[in-house]
Amino acid sequence: MFDTQKNNEERAEGKTEEWKGWAKDKLGGLTGSEERQAEGKAQQLKGEAKQEHAKTNERTKGTLEEIGGSIKGAVGDLIGNEQMQAEGKVTEKKGEARQALNK
């Protein structure tokens, strides 16, 4: 469903797109080309959107991990399985961390 490597690549591509747009915008400003500036700003926005899409995917993955870990921990608690409780807590914390890293 969510591929972290693909999301990381998408973020990198988005950042590259953003920087290219920034450079094009500045070049347009230096040369007085409003068209080039507009193209640059549009490219920047496209790059930012690509990055946000990848971060949203990672936050969603983190939320699902957090919920899954919480459920696993609760089941472990219910049946008295300490290992399951611990694994659930680890997964829950991993999900929280993934969400925090992608704000």
PDB file of N, CA and C in Angstrom:
ATOM      1  N   MET A   1       0.825  -1.195   0.000  1.00  0.00           N
ATOM      2  CA  MET A   1       0.000   0.000   0.000  1.00  0.00           C
ATOM      3  C   MET A   1       0.870   1.260   0.000  1.00  0.00           C
ATOM      4  N   PHE A   2       1.750   1.386   0.982  1.00  0.00           N
ATOM      5  CA  PHE A   2       2.625   2.551   1.059  1.00  0.00           C
ATOM      6  C   PHE A   2       4.070   2.069   1.039  1.00  0.00           C
ATOM      7  N   ASP A   3       4.844   2.543   0.082  1.00  0.00           N
ATOM      8  CA  ASP A   3       6.234   2.152  -0.054  1.00  0.00           C
ATOM      9  C   ASP A   3       7.111   3.314   0.406  1.00  0.00           C
ATOM     10  N   THR A   4       7.788   3.114   1.527  1.00  0.00           N
ATOM     11  CA  THR A   4       8.604   4.187   2.098  1.00  0.00           C
ATOM     12  C   THR A   4       9.702   4.631   1.144  1.00  0.00           C
ATOM     13  N   GLN A   5      10.366   3.675   0.482  1.00  0.00           N
ATOM     14  CA  GLN A   5      11.429   4.040  -0.451  1.00  0.00           C
ATOM     15  C   GLN A   5      10.881   4.901  -1.589  1.00  0.00           C
ATOM     16  N   LYS A   6       9.720   4.503  -2.118  1.00  0.00           N
ATOM     17  CA  LYS A   6       9.096   5.278  -3.190  1.00  0.00           C
ATOM     18  C   LYS A   6       8.737   6.678  -2.700  1.00  0.00           C
ATOM     19  N   ASN A   7       8.232   6.760  -1.465  1.00  0.00           N
ATOM     20  CA  ASN A   7       7.888   8.068  -0.905  1.00  0.00           C
ATOM     21  C   ASN A   7       9.130   8.935  -0.729  1.00  0.00           C
ATOM     22  N   ASN A   8      10.234   8.328  -0.293  1.00  0.00           N
ATOM     23  CA  ASN A   8      11.482   9.083  -0.138  1.00  0.00           C
ATOM     24  C   ASN A   8      11.985   9.584  -1.486  1.00  0.00           C
ATOM     25  N   GLU A   9      11.880   8.730  -2.510  1.00  0.00           N
ATOM     26  CA  GLU A   9      12.279   9.151  -3.858  1.00  0.00           C
ATOM     27  C   GLU A   9      11.389  10.294  -4.351  1.00  0.00           C
ATOM     28  N   GLU A  10      10.100  10.187  -4.065  1.00  0.00           N
ATOM     29  CA  GLU A  10       9.167  11.236  -4.475  1.00  0.00           C
ATOM     30  C   GLU A  10       9.492  12.557  -3.777  1.00  0.00           C
ATOM     31  N   ARG A  11       9.875  12.469  -2.501  1.00  0.00           N
ATOM     32  CA  ARG A  11      10.248  13.690  -1.779  1.00  0.00           C
ATOM     33  C   ARG A  11      11.491  14.312  -2.393  1.00  0.00           C
ATOM     34  N   ALA A  12      12.473  13.475  -2.735  1.00  0.00           N
ATOM     35  CA  ALA A  12      13.704  13.980  -3.345  1.00  0.00           C
ATOM     36  C   ALA A  12      13.416  14.615  -4.703  1.00  0.00           C
ATOM     37  N   GLU A  13      12.586  13.955  -5.505  1.00  0.00           N
ATOM     38  CA  GLU A  13      12.210  14.522  -6.801  1.00  0.00           C
ATOM     39  C   GLU A  13      11.476  15.847  -6.620  1.00  0.00           C
ATOM     40  N   GLY A  14      10.611  15.891  -5.633  1.00  0.00           N
ATOM     41  CA  GLY A  14       9.873  17.119  -5.361  1.00  0.00           C
ATOM     42  C   GLY A  14      10.789  18.253  -4.951  1.00  0.00           C
ATOM     43  N   LYS A  15      11.781  17.947  -4.121  1.00  0.00           N
ATOM     44  CA  LYS A  15      12.735  18.969  -3.678  1.00  0.00           C
ATOM     45  C   LYS A  15      13.541  19.481  -4.863  1.00  0.00           C
ATOM     46  N   THR A  16      13.957  18.555  -5.731  1.00  0.00           N
ATOM     47  CA  THR A  16      14.707  18.947  -6.922  1.00  0.00           C
ATOM     48  C   THR A  16      13.855  19.853  -7.802  1.00  0.00           C
ATOM     49  N   GLU A  17      12.612  19.455  -8.003  1.00  0.00           N
ATOM     50  CA  GLU A  17      11.669  20.251  -8.807  1.00  0.00           C
ATOM     51  C   GLU A  17      11.489  21.645  -8.189  1.00  0.00           C
ATOM     52  N   GLU A  18      11.369  21.681  -6.870  1.00  0.00           N
ATOM     53  CA  GLU A  18      11.204  22.960  -6.171  1.00  0.00           C
ATOM     54  C   GLU A  18      12.410  23.868  -6.404  1.00  0.00           C
ATOM     55  N   TRP A  19      13.614  23.303  -6.275  1.00  0.00           N
ATOM     56  CA  TRP A  19      14.826  24.112  -6.460  1.00  0.00           C
ATOM     57  C   TRP A  19      14.996  24.569  -7.906  1.00  0.00           C
ATOM     58  N   LYS A  20      14.665  23.711  -8.852  1.00  0.00           N
ATOM     59  CA  LYS A  20      14.731  24.114 -10.257  1.00  0.00           C
ATOM     60  C   LYS A  20      13.766  25.272 -10.515  1.00  0.00           C
ATOM     61  N   GLY A  21      12.581  25.171  -9.952  1.00  0.00           N
ATOM     62  CA  GLY A  21      11.602  26.245 -10.100  1.00  0.00           C
ATOM     63  C   GLY A  21      12.080  27.536  -9.470  1.00  0.00           C
ATOM     64  N   TRP A  22      12.707  27.411  -8.301  1.00  0.00           N
ATOM     65  CA  TRP A  22      13.248  28.597  -7.623  1.00  0.00           C
ATOM     66  C   TRP A  22      14.284  29.280  -8.507  1.00  0.00           C
ATOM     67  N   ALA A  23      15.181  28.469  -9.095  1.00  0.00           N
ATOM     68  CA  ALA A  23      16.230  29.023  -9.953  1.00  0.00           C
ATOM     69  C   ALA A  23      15.628  29.685 -11.192  1.00  0.00           C
ATOM     70  N   LYS A  24      14.627  29.040 -11.772  1.00  0.00           N
ATOM     71  CA  LYS A  24      13.978  29.597 -12.958  1.00  0.00           C
ATOM     72  C   LYS A  24      13.282  30.913 -12.614  1.00  0.00           C
ATOM     73  N   ASP A  25      12.646  30.969 -11.452  1.00  0.00           N
ATOM     74  CA  ASP A  25      11.978  32.186 -10.994  1.00  0.00           C
ATOM     75  C   ASP A  25      12.990  33.316 -10.847  1.00  0.00           C
ATOM     76  N   LYS A  26      14.118  33.015 -10.211  1.00  0.00           N
ATOM     77  CA  LYS A  26      15.141  34.050  -9.998  1.00  0.00           C
ATOM     78  C   LYS A  26      15.757  34.501 -11.313  1.00  0.00           C
ATOM     79  N   LEU A  27      16.011  33.541 -12.208  1.00  0.00           N
ATOM     80  CA  LEU A  27      16.564  33.888 -13.514  1.00  0.00           C
ATOM     81  C   LEU A  27      15.593  34.780 -14.285  1.00  0.00           C
ATOM     82  N   GLY A  28      14.312  34.446 -14.207  1.00  0.00           N
ATOM     83  CA  GLY A  28      13.301  35.281 -14.855  1.00  0.00           C
ATOM     84  C   GLY A  28      13.288  36.689 -14.288  1.00  0.00           C
ATOM     85  N   GLY A  29      13.498  36.790 -12.979  1.00  0.00           N
ATOM     86  CA  GLY A  29      13.550  38.107 -12.354  1.00  0.00           C
ATOM     87  C   GLY A  29      14.752  38.912 -12.812  1.00  0.00           C
ATOM     88  N   LEU A  30      15.875  38.228 -12.947  1.00  0.00           N
ATOM     89  CA  LEU A  30      17.097  38.913 -13.386  1.00  0.00           C
ATOM     90  C   LEU A  30      17.018  39.365 -14.838  1.00  0.00           C
ATOM     91  N   THR A  31      16.360  38.560 -15.669  1.00  0.00           N
ATOM     92  CA  THR A  31      16.275  38.892 -17.091  1.00  0.00           C
ATOM     93  C   THR A  31      15.024  39.676 -17.438  1.00  0.00           C
ATOM     94  N   GLY A  32      14.138  39.863 -16.469  1.00  0.00           N
ATOM     95  CA  GLY A  32      12.914  40.604 -16.714  1.00  0.00           C
ATOM     96  C   GLY A  32      11.843  39.795 -17.432  1.00  0.00           C
ATOM     97  N   SER A  33      11.966  38.481 -17.392  1.00  0.00           N
ATOM     98  CA  SER A  33      11.001  37.613 -18.061  1.00  0.00           C
ATOM     99  C   SER A  33       9.923  37.177 -17.074  1.00  0.00           C
ATOM    100  N   GLU A  34       8.763  37.834 -17.156  1.00  0.00           N
ATOM    101  CA  GLU A  34       7.653  37.476 -16.280  1.00  0.00           C
ATOM    102  C   GLU A  34       7.169  36.053 -16.559  1.00  0.00           C
ATOM    103  N   GLU A  35       7.251  35.647 -17.825  1.00  0.00           N
ATOM    104  CA  GLU A  35       6.830  34.290 -18.194  1.00  0.00           C
ATOM    105  C   GLU A  35       7.723  33.240 -17.511  1.00  0.00           C
ATOM    106  N   ARG A  36       9.026  33.473 -17.528  1.00  0.00           N
ATOM    107  CA  ARG A  36       9.950  32.532 -16.885  1.00  0.00           C
ATOM    108  C   ARG A  36       9.744  32.529 -15.369  1.00  0.00           C
ATOM    109  N   GLN A  37       9.475  33.681 -14.797  1.00  0.00           N
ATOM    110  CA  GLN A  37       9.198  33.745 -13.358  1.00  0.00           C
ATOM    111  C   GLN A  37       7.949  32.934 -13.022  1.00  0.00           C
ATOM    112  N   ALA A  38       6.907  33.095 -13.815  1.00  0.00           N
ATOM    113  CA  ALA A  38       5.657  32.363 -13.580  1.00  0.00           C
ATOM    114  C   ALA A  38       5.881  30.856 -13.719  1.00  0.00           C
ATOM    115  N   GLU A  39       6.647  30.460 -14.733  1.00  0.00           N
ATOM    116  CA  GLU A  39       6.970  29.039 -14.904  1.00  0.00           C
ATOM    117  C   GLU A  39       7.733  28.511 -13.690  1.00  0.00           C
ATOM    118  N   GLY A  40       8.643  29.311 -13.208  1.00  0.00           N
ATOM    119  CA  GLY A  40       9.442  28.921 -12.049  1.00  0.00           C
ATOM    120  C   GLY A  40       8.589  28.759 -10.806  1.00  0.00           C
ATOM    121  N   LYS A  41       7.701  29.702 -10.590  1.00  0.00           N
ATOM    122  CA  LYS A  41       6.820  29.612  -9.421  1.00  0.00           C
ATOM    123  C   LYS A  41       5.908  28.399  -9.520  1.00  0.00           C
ATOM    124  N   ALA A  42       5.401  28.122 -10.718  1.00  0.00           N
ATOM    125  CA  ALA A  42       4.549  26.944 -10.916  1.00  0.00           C
ATOM    126  C   ALA A  42       5.348  25.663 -10.656  1.00  0.00           C
ATOM    127  N   GLN A  43       6.578  25.630 -11.116  1.00  0.00           N
ATOM    128  CA  GLN A  43       7.429  24.460 -10.899  1.00  0.00           C
ATOM    129  C   GLN A  43       7.731  24.279  -9.415  1.00  0.00           C
ATOM    130  N   GLN A  44       7.953  25.368  -8.719  1.00  0.00           N
ATOM    131  CA  GLN A  44       8.169  25.299  -7.273  1.00  0.00           C
ATOM    132  C   GLN A  44       6.956  24.681  -6.577  1.00  0.00           C
ATOM    133  N   LEU A  45       5.784  25.154  -6.917  1.00  0.00           N
ATOM    134  CA  LEU A  45       4.557  24.637  -6.309  1.00  0.00           C
ATOM    135  C   LEU A  45       4.358  23.159  -6.620  1.00  0.00           C
ATOM    136  N   LYS A  46       4.682  22.767  -7.843  1.00  0.00           N
ATOM    137  CA  LYS A  46       4.570  21.361  -8.223  1.00  0.00           C
ATOM    138  C   LYS A  46       5.511  20.514  -7.360  1.00  0.00           C
ATOM    139  N   GLY A  47       6.719  20.998  -7.148  1.00  0.00           N
ATOM    140  CA  GLY A  47       7.673  20.283  -6.303  1.00  0.00           C
ATOM    141  C   GLY A  47       7.219  20.193  -4.864  1.00  0.00           C
ATOM    142  N   GLU A  48       6.679  21.274  -4.352  1.00  0.00           N
ATOM    143  CA  GLU A  48       6.175  21.279  -2.975  1.00  0.00           C
ATOM    144  C   GLU A  48       5.005  20.301  -2.830  1.00  0.00           C
ATOM    145  N   ALA A  49       4.130  20.262  -3.830  1.00  0.00           N
ATOM    146  CA  ALA A  49       2.984  19.352  -3.787  1.00  0.00           C
ATOM    147  C   ALA A  49       3.440  17.897  -3.808  1.00  0.00           C
ATOM    148  N   LYS A  50       4.454  17.613  -4.603  1.00  0.00           N
ATOM    149  CA  LYS A  50       4.986  16.253  -4.679  1.00  0.00           C
ATOM    150  C   LYS A  50       5.560  15.830  -3.332  1.00  0.00           C
ATOM    151  N   GLN A  51       6.256  16.739  -2.684  1.00  0.00           N
ATOM    152  CA  GLN A  51       6.818  16.440  -1.359  1.00  0.00           C
ATOM    153  C   GLN A  51       5.708  16.218  -0.335  1.00  0.00           C
ATOM    154  N   GLU A  52       4.692  17.046  -0.380  1.00  0.00           N
ATOM    155  CA  GLU A  52       3.588  16.927   0.580  1.00  0.00           C
ATOM    156  C   GLU A  52       2.834  15.621   0.375  1.00  0.00           C
ATOM    157  N   HIS A  53       2.677  15.205  -0.851  1.00  0.00           N
ATOM    158  CA  HIS A  53       2.008  13.934  -1.142  1.00  0.00           C
ATOM    159  C   HIS A  53       2.779  12.781  -0.496  1.00  0.00           C
ATOM    160  N   ALA A  54       4.082  12.781  -0.655  1.00  0.00           N
ATOM    161  CA  ALA A  54       4.903  11.716  -0.063  1.00  0.00           C
ATOM    162  C   ALA A  54       4.828  11.756   1.465  1.00  0.00           C
ATOM    163  N   LYS A  55       4.858  12.944   2.047  1.00  0.00           N
ATOM    164  CA  LYS A  55       4.765  13.053   3.506  1.00  0.00           C
ATOM    165  C   LYS A  55       3.397  12.591   4.008  1.00  0.00           C
ATOM    166  N   THR A  56       2.357  12.902   3.263  1.00  0.00           N
ATOM    167  CA  THR A  56       1.019  12.457   3.649  1.00  0.00           C
ATOM    168  C   THR A  56       0.939  10.937   3.653  1.00  0.00           C
ATOM    169  N   ASN A  57       1.518  10.308   2.640  1.00  0.00           N
ATOM    170  CA  ASN A  57       1.548   8.844   2.607  1.00  0.00           C
ATOM    171  C   ASN A  57       2.263   8.273   3.831  1.00  0.00           C
ATOM    172  N   GLU A  58       3.370   8.870   4.196  1.00  0.00           N
ATOM    173  CA  GLU A  58       4.128   8.384   5.354  1.00  0.00           C
ATOM    174  C   GLU A  58       3.368   8.622   6.662  1.00  0.00           C
ATOM    175  N   ARG A  59       2.690   9.765   6.778  1.00  0.00           N
ATOM    176  CA  ARG A  59       1.891  10.015   7.979  1.00  0.00           C
ATOM    177  C   ARG A  59       0.757   8.996   8.090  1.00  0.00           C
ATOM    178  N   THR A  60       0.145   8.674   6.960  1.00  0.00           N
ATOM    179  CA  THR A  60      -0.920   7.677   6.957  1.00  0.00           C
ATOM    180  C   THR A  60      -0.377   6.322   7.380  1.00  0.00           C
ATOM    181  N   LYS A  61       0.755   5.953   6.852  1.00  0.00           N
ATOM    182  CA  LYS A  61       1.395   4.687   7.235  1.00  0.00           C
ATOM    183  C   LYS A  61       1.696   4.691   8.735  1.00  0.00           C
ATOM    184  N   GLY A  62       2.171   5.802   9.244  1.00  0.00           N
ATOM    185  CA  GLY A  62       2.444   5.923  10.672  1.00  0.00           C
ATOM    186  C   GLY A  62       1.189   5.791  11.516  1.00  0.00           C
ATOM    187  N   THR A  63       0.111   6.383  11.055  1.00  0.00           N
ATOM    188  CA  THR A  63      -1.159   6.286  11.786  1.00  0.00           C
ATOM    189  C   THR A  63      -1.627   4.834  11.844  1.00  0.00           C
ATOM    190  N   LEU A  64      -1.529   4.144  10.713  1.00  0.00           N
ATOM    191  CA  LEU A  64      -1.931   2.739  10.678  1.00  0.00           C
ATOM    192  C   LEU A  64      -1.045   1.884  11.590  1.00  0.00           C
ATOM    193  N   GLU A  65       0.245   2.167  11.597  1.00  0.00           N
ATOM    194  CA  GLU A  65       1.152   1.444  12.500  1.00  0.00           C
ATOM    195  C   GLU A  65       0.791   1.711  13.958  1.00  0.00           C
ATOM    196  N   GLU A  66       0.541   2.968  14.254  1.00  0.00           N
ATOM    197  CA  GLU A  66       0.195   3.339  15.623  1.00  0.00           C
ATOM    198  C   GLU A  66      -1.073   2.609  16.079  1.00  0.00           C
ATOM    199  N   ILE A  67      -2.089   2.619  15.247  1.00  0.00           N
ATOM    200  CA  ILE A  67      -3.350   1.951  15.595  1.00  0.00           C
ATOM    201  C   ILE A  67      -3.139   0.444  15.718  1.00  0.00           C
ATOM    202  N   GLY A  68      -2.435  -0.137  14.753  1.00  0.00           N
ATOM    203  CA  GLY A  68      -2.170  -1.575  14.791  1.00  0.00           C
ATOM    204  C   GLY A  68      -1.396  -1.975  16.030  1.00  0.00           C
ATOM    205  N   GLY A  69      -0.398  -1.178  16.390  1.00  0.00           N
ATOM    206  CA  GLY A  69       0.383  -1.451  17.591  1.00  0.00           C
ATOM    207  C   GLY A  69      -0.448  -1.334  18.850  1.00  0.00           C
ATOM    208  N   SER A  70      -1.307  -0.344  18.876  1.00  0.00           N
ATOM    209  CA  SER A  70      -2.184  -0.152  20.031  1.00  0.00           C
ATOM    210  C   SER A  70      -3.116  -1.352  20.203  1.00  0.00           C
ATOM    211  N   ILE A  71      -3.659  -1.823  19.099  1.00  0.00           N
ATOM    212  CA  ILE A  71      -4.548  -2.983  19.146  1.00  0.00           C
ATOM    213  C   ILE A  71      -3.786  -4.222  19.601  1.00  0.00           C
ATOM    214  N   LYS A  72      -2.606  -4.428  19.017  1.00  0.00           N
ATOM    215  CA  LYS A  72      -1.802  -5.595  19.386  1.00  0.00           C
ATOM    216  C   LYS A  72      -1.444  -5.551  20.865  1.00  0.00           C
ATOM    217  N   GLY A  73      -1.078  -4.382  21.361  1.00  0.00           N
ATOM    218  CA  GLY A  73      -0.762  -4.238  22.783  1.00  0.00           C
ATOM    219  C   GLY A  73      -1.961  -4.527  23.660  1.00  0.00           C
ATOM    220  N   ALA A  74      -3.124  -4.051  23.246  1.00  0.00           N
ATOM    221  CA  ALA A  74      -4.350  -4.283  24.022  1.00  0.00           C
ATOM    222  C   ALA A  74      -4.722  -5.762  24.046  1.00  0.00           C
ATOM    223  N   VAL A  75      -4.557  -6.431  22.919  1.00  0.00           N
ATOM    224  CA  VAL A  75      -4.835  -7.870  22.871  1.00  0.00           C
ATOM    225  C   VAL A  75      -3.850  -8.615  23.761  1.00  0.00           C
ATOM    226  N   GLY A  76      -2.593  -8.209  23.692  1.00  0.00           N
ATOM    227  CA  GLY A  76      -1.580  -8.823  24.555  1.00  0.00           C
ATOM    228  C   GLY A  76      -1.912  -8.643  26.020  1.00  0.00           C
ATOM    229  N   ASP A  77      -2.381  -7.477  26.367  1.00  0.00           N
ATOM    230  CA  ASP A  77      -2.787  -7.197  27.746  1.00  0.00           C
ATOM    231  C   ASP A  77      -3.985  -8.062  28.140  1.00  0.00           C
ATOM    232  N   LEU A  78      -4.926  -8.182  27.233  1.00  0.00           N
ATOM    233  CA  LEU A  78      -6.138  -8.940  27.481  1.00  0.00           C
ATOM    234  C   LEU A  78      -5.858 -10.428  27.717  1.00  0.00           C
ATOM    235  N   ILE A  79      -4.920 -10.975  26.949  1.00  0.00           N
ATOM    236  CA  ILE A  79      -4.629 -12.403  27.091  1.00  0.00           C
ATOM    237  C   ILE A  79      -3.419 -12.671  27.983  1.00  0.00           C
ATOM    238  N   GLY A  80      -2.835 -11.611  28.512  1.00  0.00           N
ATOM    239  CA  GLY A  80      -1.701 -11.770  29.424  1.00  0.00           C
ATOM    240  C   GLY A  80      -0.398 -12.137  28.733  1.00  0.00           C
ATOM    241  N   ASN A  81      -0.221 -11.713  27.501  1.00  0.00           N
ATOM    242  CA  ASN A  81       0.990 -12.021  26.740  1.00  0.00           C
ATOM    243  C   ASN A  81       1.884 -10.783  26.727  1.00  0.00           C
ATOM    244  N   GLU A  82       2.924 -10.805  27.572  1.00  0.00           N
ATOM    245  CA  GLU A  82       3.795  -9.633  27.717  1.00  0.00           C
ATOM    246  C   GLU A  82       4.590  -9.343  26.443  1.00  0.00           C
ATOM    247  N   GLN A  83       4.981 -10.387  25.730  1.00  0.00           N
ATOM    248  CA  GLN A  83       5.725 -10.172  24.486  1.00  0.00           C
ATOM    249  C   GLN A  83       4.855  -9.444  23.468  1.00  0.00           C
ATOM    250  N   MET A  84       3.611  -9.850  23.355  1.00  0.00           N
ATOM    251  CA  MET A  84       2.684  -9.198  22.425  1.00  0.00           C
ATOM    252  C   MET A  84       2.444  -7.748  22.845  1.00  0.00           C
ATOM    253  N   GLN A  85       2.352  -7.509  24.139  1.00  0.00           N
ATOM    254  CA  GLN A  85       2.172  -6.145  24.637  1.00  0.00           C
ATOM    255  C   GLN A  85       3.368  -5.287  24.220  1.00  0.00           C
ATOM    256  N   ALA A  86       4.583  -5.823  24.429  1.00  0.00           N
ATOM    257  CA  ALA A  86       5.801  -5.082  24.108  1.00  0.00           C
ATOM    258  C   ALA A  86       5.912  -4.827  22.608  1.00  0.00           C
ATOM    259  N   GLU A  87       5.632  -5.842  21.805  1.00  0.00           N
ATOM    260  CA  GLU A  87       5.683  -5.663  20.345  1.00  0.00           C
ATOM    261  C   GLU A  87       4.669  -4.613  19.896  1.00  0.00           C
ATOM    262  N   GLY A  88       3.499  -4.640  20.494  1.00  0.00           N
ATOM    263  CA  GLY A  88       2.481  -3.649  20.165  1.00  0.00           C
ATOM    264  C   GLY A  88       2.937  -2.247  20.503  1.00  0.00           C
ATOM    265  N   LYS A  89       3.573  -2.097  21.658  1.00  0.00           N
ATOM    266  CA  LYS A  89       4.058  -0.780  22.087  1.00  0.00           C
ATOM    267  C   LYS A  89       5.143  -0.270  21.141  1.00  0.00           C
ATOM    268  N   VAL A  90       6.047  -1.173  20.728  1.00  0.00           N
ATOM    269  CA  VAL A  90       7.114  -0.787  19.797  1.00  0.00           C
ATOM    270  C   VAL A  90       6.518  -0.317  18.470  1.00  0.00           C
ATOM    271  N   THR A  91       5.557  -1.069  17.939  1.00  0.00           N
ATOM    272  CA  THR A  91       4.919  -0.700  16.677  1.00  0.00           C
ATOM    273  C   THR A  91       4.170   0.625  16.814  1.00  0.00           C
ATOM    274  N   GLU A  92       3.508   0.798  17.939  1.00  0.00           N
ATOM    275  CA  GLU A  92       2.780   2.050  18.191  1.00  0.00           C
ATOM    276  C   GLU A  92       3.744   3.234  18.196  1.00  0.00           C
ATOM    277  N   LYS A  93       4.865   3.095  18.888  1.00  0.00           N
ATOM    278  CA  LYS A  93       5.856   4.182  18.960  1.00  0.00           C
ATOM    279  C   LYS A  93       6.499   4.432  17.601  1.00  0.00           C
ATOM    280  N   LYS A  94       6.725   3.364  16.832  1.00  0.00           N
ATOM    281  CA  LYS A  94       7.282   3.513  15.490  1.00  0.00           C
ATOM    282  C   LYS A  94       6.333   4.339  14.625  1.00  0.00           C
ATOM    283  N   GLY A  95       5.049   4.053  14.736  1.00  0.00           N
ATOM    284  CA  GLY A  95       4.055   4.817  13.982  1.00  0.00           C
ATOM    285  C   GLY A  95       4.020   6.278  14.389  1.00  0.00           C
ATOM    286  N   GLU A  96       4.105   6.528  15.690  1.00  0.00           N
ATOM    287  CA  GLU A  96       4.122   7.915  16.171  1.00  0.00           C
ATOM    288  C   GLU A  96       5.343   8.655  15.634  1.00  0.00           C
ATOM    289  N   ALA A  97       6.494   7.969  15.646  1.00  0.00           N
ATOM    290  CA  ALA A  97       7.724   8.591  15.146  1.00  0.00           C
ATOM    291  C   ALA A  97       7.627   8.891  13.654  1.00  0.00           C
ATOM    292  N   ARG A  98       7.062   7.949  12.894  1.00  0.00           N
ATOM    293  CA  ARG A  98       6.918   8.151  11.448  1.00  0.00           C
ATOM    294  C   ARG A  98       6.041   9.378  11.170  1.00  0.00           C
ATOM    295  N   GLN A  99       4.990   9.538  11.956  1.00  0.00           N
ATOM    296  CA  GLN A  99       4.114  10.694  11.779  1.00  0.00           C
ATOM    297  C   GLN A  99       4.858  11.988  12.104  1.00  0.00           C
ATOM    298  N   ALA A 100       5.609  11.972  13.202  1.00  0.00           N
ATOM    299  CA  ALA A 100       6.326  13.170  13.620  1.00  0.00           C
ATOM    300  C   ALA A 100       7.392  13.582  12.604  1.00  0.00           C
ATOM    301  N   LEU A 101       8.032  12.602  11.974  1.00  0.00           N
ATOM    302  CA  LEU A 101       9.075  12.904  10.999  1.00  0.00           C
ATOM    303  C   LEU A 101       8.534  13.460   9.685  1.00  0.00           C
ATOM    304  N   ASN A 102       7.257  13.322   9.473  1.00  0.00           N
ATOM    305  CA  ASN A 102       6.673  13.723   8.195  1.00  0.00           C
ATOM    306  C   ASN A 102       5.628  14.818   8.330  1.00  0.00           C
ATOM    307  N   LYS A 103       5.788  15.687   9.290  1.00  0.00           N
ATOM    308  CA  LYS A 103       4.856  16.815   9.465  1.00  0.00           C
ATOM    309  C   LYS A 103       5.186  17.907   8.482  1.00  0.00           C
TER     310      LYS A 103
END
